[in-house]
Protein backbone atom coordinates (compact mmCIF):
# COMPACT_ATOMS: atom_id res chain seq x y z
CA MET A 1 -2.30 22.21 -44.17
CA SER A 2 -2.95 25.71 -42.59
CA ARG A 3 -6.58 25.16 -42.10
CA VAL A 4 -5.93 21.70 -40.38
CA MET A 5 -3.37 23.50 -37.99
CA THR A 6 -6.03 26.16 -37.42
CA GLN A 7 -8.73 23.49 -36.55
CA LEU A 8 -6.04 21.48 -34.16
CA MET A 9 -5.60 24.64 -32.42
CA THR A 10 -9.14 25.52 -31.76
CA ALA A 11 -10.12 22.16 -31.00
CA PRO A 12 -11.88 21.83 -27.81
CA THR A 13 -9.70 20.62 -25.06
CA SER A 14 -10.61 18.59 -21.85
CA ALA A 15 -11.04 21.82 -20.08
CA THR A 16 -13.68 22.89 -22.39
CA LEU A 17 -15.27 19.70 -22.68
CA GLY A 18 -15.59 19.17 -18.74
CA MET A 19 -13.82 15.80 -18.65
CA GLU A 20 -12.38 15.36 -15.39
CA ILE A 21 -12.28 12.88 -12.37
CA PRO A 22 -14.51 14.39 -9.88
CA SER A 23 -13.19 14.72 -5.87
CA PRO A 24 -15.39 14.13 -3.00
CA THR A 25 -16.32 17.20 -1.19
CA GLN A 26 -16.39 15.68 2.29
CA ALA A 27 -14.44 13.09 4.02
CA VAL A 28 -15.88 13.00 7.37
CA TRP A 29 -19.36 12.09 8.49
CA HIS A 30 -20.56 11.84 11.90
CA LEU A 31 -22.73 9.20 13.59
CA GLY A 32 -23.61 11.03 16.69
CA PRO A 33 -20.51 12.23 18.31
CA LEU A 34 -18.57 9.50 16.67
CA PRO A 35 -16.74 10.92 13.56
CA ILE A 36 -16.66 8.37 10.53
CA ARG A 37 -13.52 9.48 8.42
CA ALA A 38 -13.05 8.09 4.79
CA TYR A 39 -9.47 7.92 5.10
CA ALA A 40 -9.52 5.46 8.12
CA MET A 41 -12.31 3.43 6.49
CA CYS A 42 -9.85 2.80 3.12
CA ILE A 43 -7.10 1.71 5.76
CA LEU A 44 -9.24 -0.44 7.33
CA ALA A 45 -10.72 -1.75 4.22
CA GLY A 46 -7.25 -2.54 2.84
CA ILE A 47 -6.36 -4.22 6.01
CA VAL A 48 -9.16 -6.44 5.97
CA VAL A 49 -8.72 -7.27 2.48
CA ALA A 50 -4.94 -7.87 2.88
CA VAL A 51 -5.37 -10.39 5.82
CA TRP A 52 -8.08 -12.40 3.89
CA LEU A 53 -5.82 -12.76 0.70
CA THR A 54 -2.80 -13.71 2.84
CA GLN A 55 -5.18 -16.31 4.81
CA ARG A 56 -6.30 -17.78 1.40
CA ARG A 57 -2.75 -18.06 0.21
CA LEU A 58 -1.36 -19.67 3.25
CA ALA A 59 -4.17 -22.28 3.46
CA THR A 60 -3.20 -23.41 -0.27
CA ARG A 61 0.04 -24.72 1.65
CA GLY A 62 -1.38 -26.22 4.30
CA ALA A 63 -1.39 -23.64 6.86
CA ALA A 64 -4.19 -23.56 9.70
CA ALA A 65 -7.20 -20.81 8.89
CA GLU A 66 -6.51 -18.82 12.08
CA VAL A 67 -2.65 -18.30 11.59
CA ALA A 68 -2.94 -15.34 9.09
CA ILE A 69 -5.12 -13.70 11.79
CA ASP A 70 -2.70 -14.36 14.53
CA ILE A 71 0.37 -13.09 12.91
CA SER A 72 -1.73 -9.91 11.43
CA ALA A 73 -2.37 -9.19 15.10
CA TRP A 74 1.28 -8.66 15.47
CA ALA A 75 2.01 -7.18 11.70
CA VAL A 76 -0.92 -4.50 11.48
CA PRO A 77 -0.40 -2.43 15.01
CA PHE A 78 3.36 -2.46 14.28
CA GLY A 79 2.77 -1.50 10.82
CA ILE A 80 0.29 1.67 11.37
CA VAL A 81 3.04 2.90 14.19
CA GLY A 82 5.93 2.30 11.72
CA GLY A 83 3.82 4.16 8.93
CA ARG A 84 2.90 7.11 11.40
CA LEU A 85 6.43 7.49 12.58
CA TYR A 86 8.13 7.44 9.15
CA HIS A 87 5.59 10.13 8.04
CA VAL A 88 6.25 12.32 11.20
CA ILE A 89 10.07 12.03 11.06
CA THR A 90 10.20 12.94 7.19
CA ASP A 91 7.67 15.67 7.78
CA ALA A 92 8.72 17.00 10.95
CA ASP A 93 8.22 20.55 10.15
CA LYS A 94 4.30 19.69 9.78
CA TYR A 95 4.27 18.88 13.61
CA PHE A 96 6.81 20.66 15.31
CA GLY A 97 8.37 24.27 15.37
CA ALA A 98 6.49 27.91 15.53
CA GLY A 99 2.75 27.85 15.05
CA ARG A 100 2.48 23.77 15.05
CA ASN A 101 0.76 21.47 17.48
CA PRO A 102 3.02 18.50 18.40
CA MET A 103 -0.03 16.56 19.34
CA ASP A 104 -1.27 16.71 15.74
CA ALA A 105 1.53 13.81 15.19
CA LEU A 106 -1.26 11.76 17.04
CA LYS A 107 -3.99 12.31 14.45
CA ILE A 108 -3.67 9.19 11.97
CA TYR A 109 -7.12 9.63 10.83
CA GLU A 110 -6.38 12.82 9.10
CA GLY A 111 -3.56 11.18 6.91
CA GLY A 112 -0.10 10.74 6.74
CA LEU A 113 0.92 7.18 6.67
CA GLY A 114 4.62 6.08 5.20
CA ILE A 115 4.64 3.23 3.53
CA TRP A 116 8.04 2.61 3.98
CA GLY A 117 8.07 2.65 7.67
CA ALA A 118 4.49 0.52 7.74
CA VAL A 119 6.13 -2.26 5.90
CA ALA A 120 9.38 -2.22 7.90
CA LEU A 121 8.10 -2.07 11.47
CA GLY A 122 5.00 -4.62 9.86
CA ALA A 123 7.75 -6.83 9.13
CA VAL A 124 8.83 -6.95 12.51
CA GLY A 125 5.52 -7.57 13.97
CA ALA A 126 5.25 -10.26 11.34
CA TRP A 127 8.59 -11.81 12.61
CA ILE A 128 7.28 -11.71 16.09
CA GLY A 129 4.02 -13.39 15.14
CA CYS A 130 5.63 -16.23 12.93
CA ARG A 131 7.49 -17.02 15.83
CA LYS A 132 5.06 -17.53 17.99
CA ALA A 133 2.89 -19.42 15.46
CA GLY A 134 5.64 -21.63 14.15
CA VAL A 135 5.52 -20.26 10.68
CA ASP A 136 8.40 -19.70 8.27
CA PHE A 137 8.52 -16.02 8.10
CA ARG A 138 9.57 -16.28 4.54
CA ASP A 139 6.30 -18.02 3.83
CA PHE A 140 4.13 -15.45 5.32
CA VAL A 141 5.68 -12.70 3.83
CA ASP A 142 5.42 -14.22 0.28
CA ALA A 143 1.62 -14.84 1.14
CA ALA A 144 1.33 -11.32 2.10
CA ALA A 145 2.80 -9.43 -0.62
CA PRO A 146 0.01 -9.23 -2.80
CA GLY A 147 -2.52 -8.44 -0.44
CA VAL A 148 -0.12 -5.49 1.00
CA ALA A 149 -0.15 -4.27 -2.38
CA ILE A 150 -3.65 -4.28 -2.70
CA ALA A 151 -4.18 -2.62 0.58
CA GLN A 152 -1.75 0.34 -0.61
CA ALA A 153 -4.33 0.79 -3.53
CA MET A 154 -7.18 1.14 -1.38
CA GLY A 155 -5.40 3.37 1.19
CA ARG A 156 -4.67 5.78 -1.75
CA PHE A 157 -8.49 6.47 -2.13
CA GLY A 158 -8.42 7.54 1.36
CA ASN A 159 -6.06 10.52 -0.15
CA TRP A 160 -8.46 11.15 -3.05
CA PHE A 161 -11.49 11.57 -0.23
CA ASN A 162 -8.79 14.08 1.49
CA ASN A 163 -8.30 16.11 -1.82
CA GLU A 164 -4.44 15.52 -1.12
CA LEU A 165 -1.40 14.35 -2.70
CA TYR A 166 -2.05 15.25 -6.32
CA GLY A 167 0.36 16.18 -8.98
CA ALA A 168 1.02 19.01 -11.28
CA PRO A 169 -1.60 21.28 -13.00
CA THR A 170 -2.79 19.42 -16.16
CA ASP A 171 -5.31 19.33 -18.91
CA VAL A 172 -5.42 15.74 -19.74
CA PRO A 173 -9.00 13.80 -20.37
CA TRP A 174 -8.35 12.04 -16.77
CA ARG A 175 -7.47 15.20 -14.87
CA LEU A 176 -8.43 15.30 -11.42
CA GLN A 177 -10.68 18.07 -9.68
CA ILE A 178 -9.27 19.10 -6.61
CA HIS A 179 -11.41 21.66 -3.94
CA GLU A 180 -9.67 24.18 -1.40
CA TRP A 181 -10.00 21.84 1.56
CA ASP A 182 -10.58 22.48 5.18
CA GLN A 183 -8.44 20.20 6.75
CA ALA A 184 -10.30 20.97 10.33
CA ALA A 185 -13.69 20.26 9.13
CA GLY A 186 -12.76 17.50 6.80
CA ARG A 187 -14.62 19.11 3.70
CA ALA A 188 -14.23 21.43 0.81
CA ARG A 189 -14.48 24.92 1.46
CA LEU A 190 -17.67 26.78 0.24
CA ASP A 191 -18.24 29.68 -1.66
CA ALA A 192 -20.51 32.43 -0.94
CA SER A 193 -23.41 30.99 -2.56
CA GLY A 194 -22.66 27.51 -0.80
CA ALA A 195 -20.94 25.82 -3.75
CA PRO A 196 -17.47 23.92 -3.34
CA VAL A 197 -14.45 26.00 -4.27
CA VAL A 198 -12.43 24.41 -6.99
CA LEU A 199 -8.83 24.96 -6.71
CA GLY A 200 -7.98 23.36 -10.02
CA TYR A 201 -7.11 20.38 -12.04
CA PHE A 202 -4.16 18.35 -11.68
CA HIS A 203 -2.80 14.97 -12.46
CA PRO A 204 -4.42 12.18 -10.16
CA THR A 205 -0.99 10.72 -9.13
CA PHE A 206 -3.29 8.81 -6.15
CA LEU A 207 -4.79 6.88 -8.91
CA TYR A 208 -1.66 6.40 -10.86
CA GLU A 209 0.24 4.84 -7.95
CA ALA A 210 -3.03 2.67 -6.91
CA LEU A 211 -3.02 1.11 -10.68
CA TRP A 212 0.46 0.49 -10.25
CA VAL A 213 0.52 -1.51 -7.08
CA LEU A 214 -2.60 -3.27 -8.53
CA VAL A 215 -0.54 -4.54 -11.51
CA LEU A 216 2.38 -5.41 -9.24
CA ALA A 217 -0.19 -7.61 -6.94
CA ALA A 218 -1.18 -9.47 -10.11
CA PHE A 219 2.36 -9.76 -11.17
CA LEU A 220 3.27 -11.16 -7.65
CA ILE A 221 0.55 -13.80 -8.00
CA TRP A 222 1.52 -14.50 -11.45
CA LEU A 223 5.22 -15.15 -10.34
CA GLY A 224 4.65 -17.24 -7.46
CA ARG A 225 2.47 -19.67 -9.75
CA ARG A 226 4.28 -19.71 -12.75
CA PHE A 227 8.11 -20.05 -11.47
CA ARG A 228 7.65 -21.00 -7.77
CA PRO A 229 10.77 -18.87 -6.81
CA ALA A 230 12.44 -19.47 -3.59
CA ARG A 231 11.12 -18.77 -0.30
CA GLY A 232 11.09 -15.05 0.38
CA GLN A 233 11.53 -14.13 -3.34
CA VAL A 234 7.90 -13.06 -4.00
CA PHE A 235 8.25 -10.55 -1.33
CA ALA A 236 11.76 -9.37 -2.26
CA ALA A 237 9.91 -8.90 -5.66
CA TYR A 238 7.35 -6.73 -4.18
CA VAL A 239 10.13 -4.76 -2.40
CA MET A 240 11.94 -4.26 -5.56
CA GLY A 241 8.70 -3.23 -7.44
CA TYR A 242 6.95 -0.68 -5.66
CA PRO A 243 9.69 1.76 -5.82
CA VAL A 244 9.84 1.76 -9.22
CA GLY A 245 6.42 3.40 -9.84
CA ARG A 246 6.86 5.06 -6.73
CA ILE A 247 9.72 7.01 -8.13
CA ILE A 248 7.95 8.02 -10.87
CA VAL A 249 4.63 9.03 -9.07
CA GLU A 250 6.91 10.77 -6.32
CA ASN A 251 8.45 13.15 -8.81
CA MET A 252 4.91 14.21 -10.22
CA ARG A 253 3.72 15.25 -6.75
CA THR A 254 3.35 18.84 -5.73
CA ASP A 255 2.66 18.64 -2.12
CA PRO A 256 5.33 19.95 0.31
CA ALA A 257 8.09 17.51 1.04
CA THR A 258 11.75 17.27 2.72
CA HIS A 259 14.22 17.55 -0.12
CA ILE A 260 17.89 16.02 -0.03
CA LEU A 261 20.23 17.03 -2.91
CA GLY A 262 17.27 18.52 -4.87
CA GLN A 263 15.40 15.14 -4.58
CA ARG A 264 12.29 14.26 -2.60
CA VAL A 265 13.14 12.30 0.55
CA ASN A 266 10.89 9.41 -0.60
CA THR A 267 12.60 9.47 -3.74
CA TRP A 268 16.07 8.73 -2.11
CA THR A 269 14.34 5.97 0.20
CA SER A 270 12.68 4.55 -3.03
CA ILE A 271 16.17 3.77 -4.46
CA LEU A 272 17.33 2.43 -1.28
CA VAL A 273 14.57 0.32 -0.56
CA PHE A 274 14.82 -0.97 -4.23
CA LEU A 275 18.41 -1.82 -3.63
CA LEU A 276 17.51 -3.67 -0.48
CA GLY A 277 14.80 -5.73 -2.36
CA ALA A 278 17.63 -6.72 -5.12
CA TRP A 279 19.76 -7.82 -2.08
CA LEU A 280 17.00 -10.09 -0.50
CA TRP A 281 15.98 -11.48 -3.94
CA TRP A 282 19.81 -12.88 -4.25
CA TRP A 283 19.82 -13.64 -0.60
CA PHE A 284 16.74 -15.85 -0.55
CA GLY A 285 17.59 -17.17 -3.86
CA ARG A 286 21.12 -18.09 -2.55
CA ARG A 287 19.63 -20.42 -0.07
CA SER A 288 17.51 -21.96 -3.10
CA GLU A 289 14.48 -23.41 -0.79
CA ARG A 290 11.33 -23.61 -2.66
CA PRO A 291 8.05 -23.01 -1.01
CA ALA A 292 5.72 -26.32 -0.23
CA GLU A 293 3.52 -27.34 -3.10
CA PRO A 294 0.08 -25.96 -3.04
CA LEU A 295 -2.49 -28.38 -2.09
CA ASP A 296 -4.48 -28.89 -5.10
CA ALA A 297 -8.06 -29.64 -3.34
CA ASP A 298 -7.52 -26.44 -1.46
CA ALA A 299 -6.70 -24.18 -4.26
CA ALA A 300 -9.96 -25.63 -5.80
CA ALA A 301 -11.81 -24.59 -2.76
CA VAL A 302 -10.53 -21.14 -2.69
CA ALA A 303 -11.45 -20.51 -6.27
CA ASP A 304 -15.07 -21.86 -5.41
CA GLY A 305 -14.83 -19.46 -2.17
CA ALA A 306 -14.75 -22.58 0.14
CA GLY A 307 -12.43 -23.25 3.27
CA PRO A 308 -9.18 -25.45 2.87
CA THR A 309 -9.92 -28.79 3.30
CA SER A 310 -9.23 -31.16 5.89
CA HIS A 311 -6.17 -32.73 5.06
CA ALA A 312 -4.37 -29.03 5.08
CA SER A 313 -4.41 -29.38 8.94
CA ASP A 314 -2.94 -32.84 8.53
CA ARG A 315 -0.02 -31.50 6.64
CA THR A 316 0.48 -28.63 8.99
CA ALA A 317 1.08 -31.25 11.64
CA ALA A 318 3.41 -33.11 9.61
CA ARG A 319 5.60 -29.94 8.83
CA SER A 320 5.37 -28.29 12.46
CA THR A 321 8.81 -29.29 13.23
CA ASP A 322 10.49 -28.00 10.19
CA ALA A 323 8.59 -24.81 10.25
CA GLU A 324 9.52 -23.99 13.96
CA ALA A 325 13.13 -24.65 12.90
CA SER A 326 12.94 -22.36 10.08
CA ALA A 327 10.97 -19.57 11.87
CA ASP A 328 14.08 -17.36 12.66
CA LEU A 329 15.27 -14.81 9.95
CA PRO A 330 18.30 -16.12 7.84
CA GLU A 331 21.62 -15.00 9.49
CA PRO A 332 23.76 -12.27 6.96
CA PRO A 333 26.52 -14.11 4.91
CA PRO A 334 29.91 -13.75 6.53
């Protein structure tokens, strides 16, 4: 037994085996005078995927192809502004006070978008877009929820490029290598020999969150297909589901953050958002309105990568009066 224990104690660990997830050493490239930032590219790619998936999901319910783009033209700018506002408000010490430059609050490309602000203000933009397009707001957010989750996963890889938002030091096989980072230059600091300086090895919390929201996106799609919940409940499930993983990941992170009663502010926000999602699930279910049946031909066309069939527009026209009437948000219960 003692020999076995000795072997276990002296067995090579992931540190000695050199097993780890590498991090990029550069997050900014220049095309002439134009900087190309990995963080911005990840956010942009996520937006494109989210709009595309939302368009596909709306098309299976008879919506015109351009509706998702028209509504997203309102939702995306509102979401970006909301995400940045939330980040700046909750991390105000990074931008205001002694030795700080308030103008840095405008540098979105350097990272810093709070998902809570993005979803909240993005929903306001989507509501405006839905009113203008004559689309039921609940149908749109149900269609958009999985795409938003996927966009979040893609956006987290922007944090990976920036070598930021990692967890505690660790020696697990999937540990993340982090470099000492020059934020202004957008690259790792170099030692005297010109090699990137390694800060250490940490939990890849960006990856944990990315995997969680991808699982959540798959669950939301399955939920809508398997049970056809009431209008708005798929979105409510997203609002409930994301905070569950975020609370776990948030408490693994070691980056500076504002604390309230010993907890990071994003942990408290996650709890409140979960409760809001539970209330939305109850409220939308209380109305007991089911979404329109998916169009079988369009669903097949989507699976084949083709566009919606012609009878989708006929159904859209037939439902236009009802859609216009239901575009407003429901009034709260007395």
